[in-house]
């Protein structure tokens, strides 16, 4: 190892290359079937773990869930990296990218958003409501066209942070173990991290808040770079507090300002209040904006892969 290479640069080149390959693989091939998907296995494990801990006090259950599963995922990621250590360089790059790809869901996000848009464009409101129910937790049974468009754009932007930018950010910071740990943290938050779950969910929710803090703001920055400009970021900074989450408001508000639309969840939040109500075509615009944002991030990683010294292999 070249001692002149600073610590922060060691491995950045290799990880950046893996990141670009993983994004391309995810966009090209999408998700594995649930029966084969590591995140689905993780979800089943979390469910079983929660049921098995019901005899414990709620605080103990919450702390154990928030500790055991992220650490376990990180250890699995580390073991996978070690198992590939003796392989040729390009085999390791592609192998690690295939594993990293399992923490991403970019293509799935686009497919869900497109399903809502296509049904709205066909004036199939019931079909659009069913498609939106696959994206959001809110009740979609009575949502209007503009409310469905808003829900689709909000879900696409928020999950661009949670399901793409965040695992990739943590991968750059700590390799595959960190990306796997983040996916476990985010899955825990989705399954048990609700405030209504009290102490069982609170540790997971707070851990997810911390782990998603920088990626959410980074996503807003990528939306600004992708076409919204500086006003997109300042709008997100002004509006993000409208949501109860410290993080989800950043990418959603950035998308709202970049597109010039008002995003609203009735009784909960309004983002870019002065914007016009969204139409089905704005979902397509949100898809293009997200493509550009991901492309901007991938391009930055690609440049890093070319110009940053390759200090170490992991």
Foldseek 3Di string as FASTA:
>chain_A
DDPVADPLLACLLLLLLLLLLLVVVCQVPNADPLVPAPLSVLLVVLVVLLVVCPVPPQLVLQVCLLPVSLQVQLVVQVVQLVVCVPPDPVVSSNSLSVLLSSQAGLNVLLVLLVQLLVCVVVVNQCSNLVSLVVQDVDRSRPDDQLLSNLSSLLSSQLVCLLHRQLLSVLCSVPNRSRSRSSSSLVSLCVPQQDVVNPSNNVVSVVVNLVSSVVSLLLSLVLLCVLAQPPVLQVQLVVFQVLAVRPRSSNRSLSLCSSLQAWRDDPPRGIHNVVGHRDHSVSSVVSSSSSVSSVVVVSVVSNVSSVPRDHNDDD
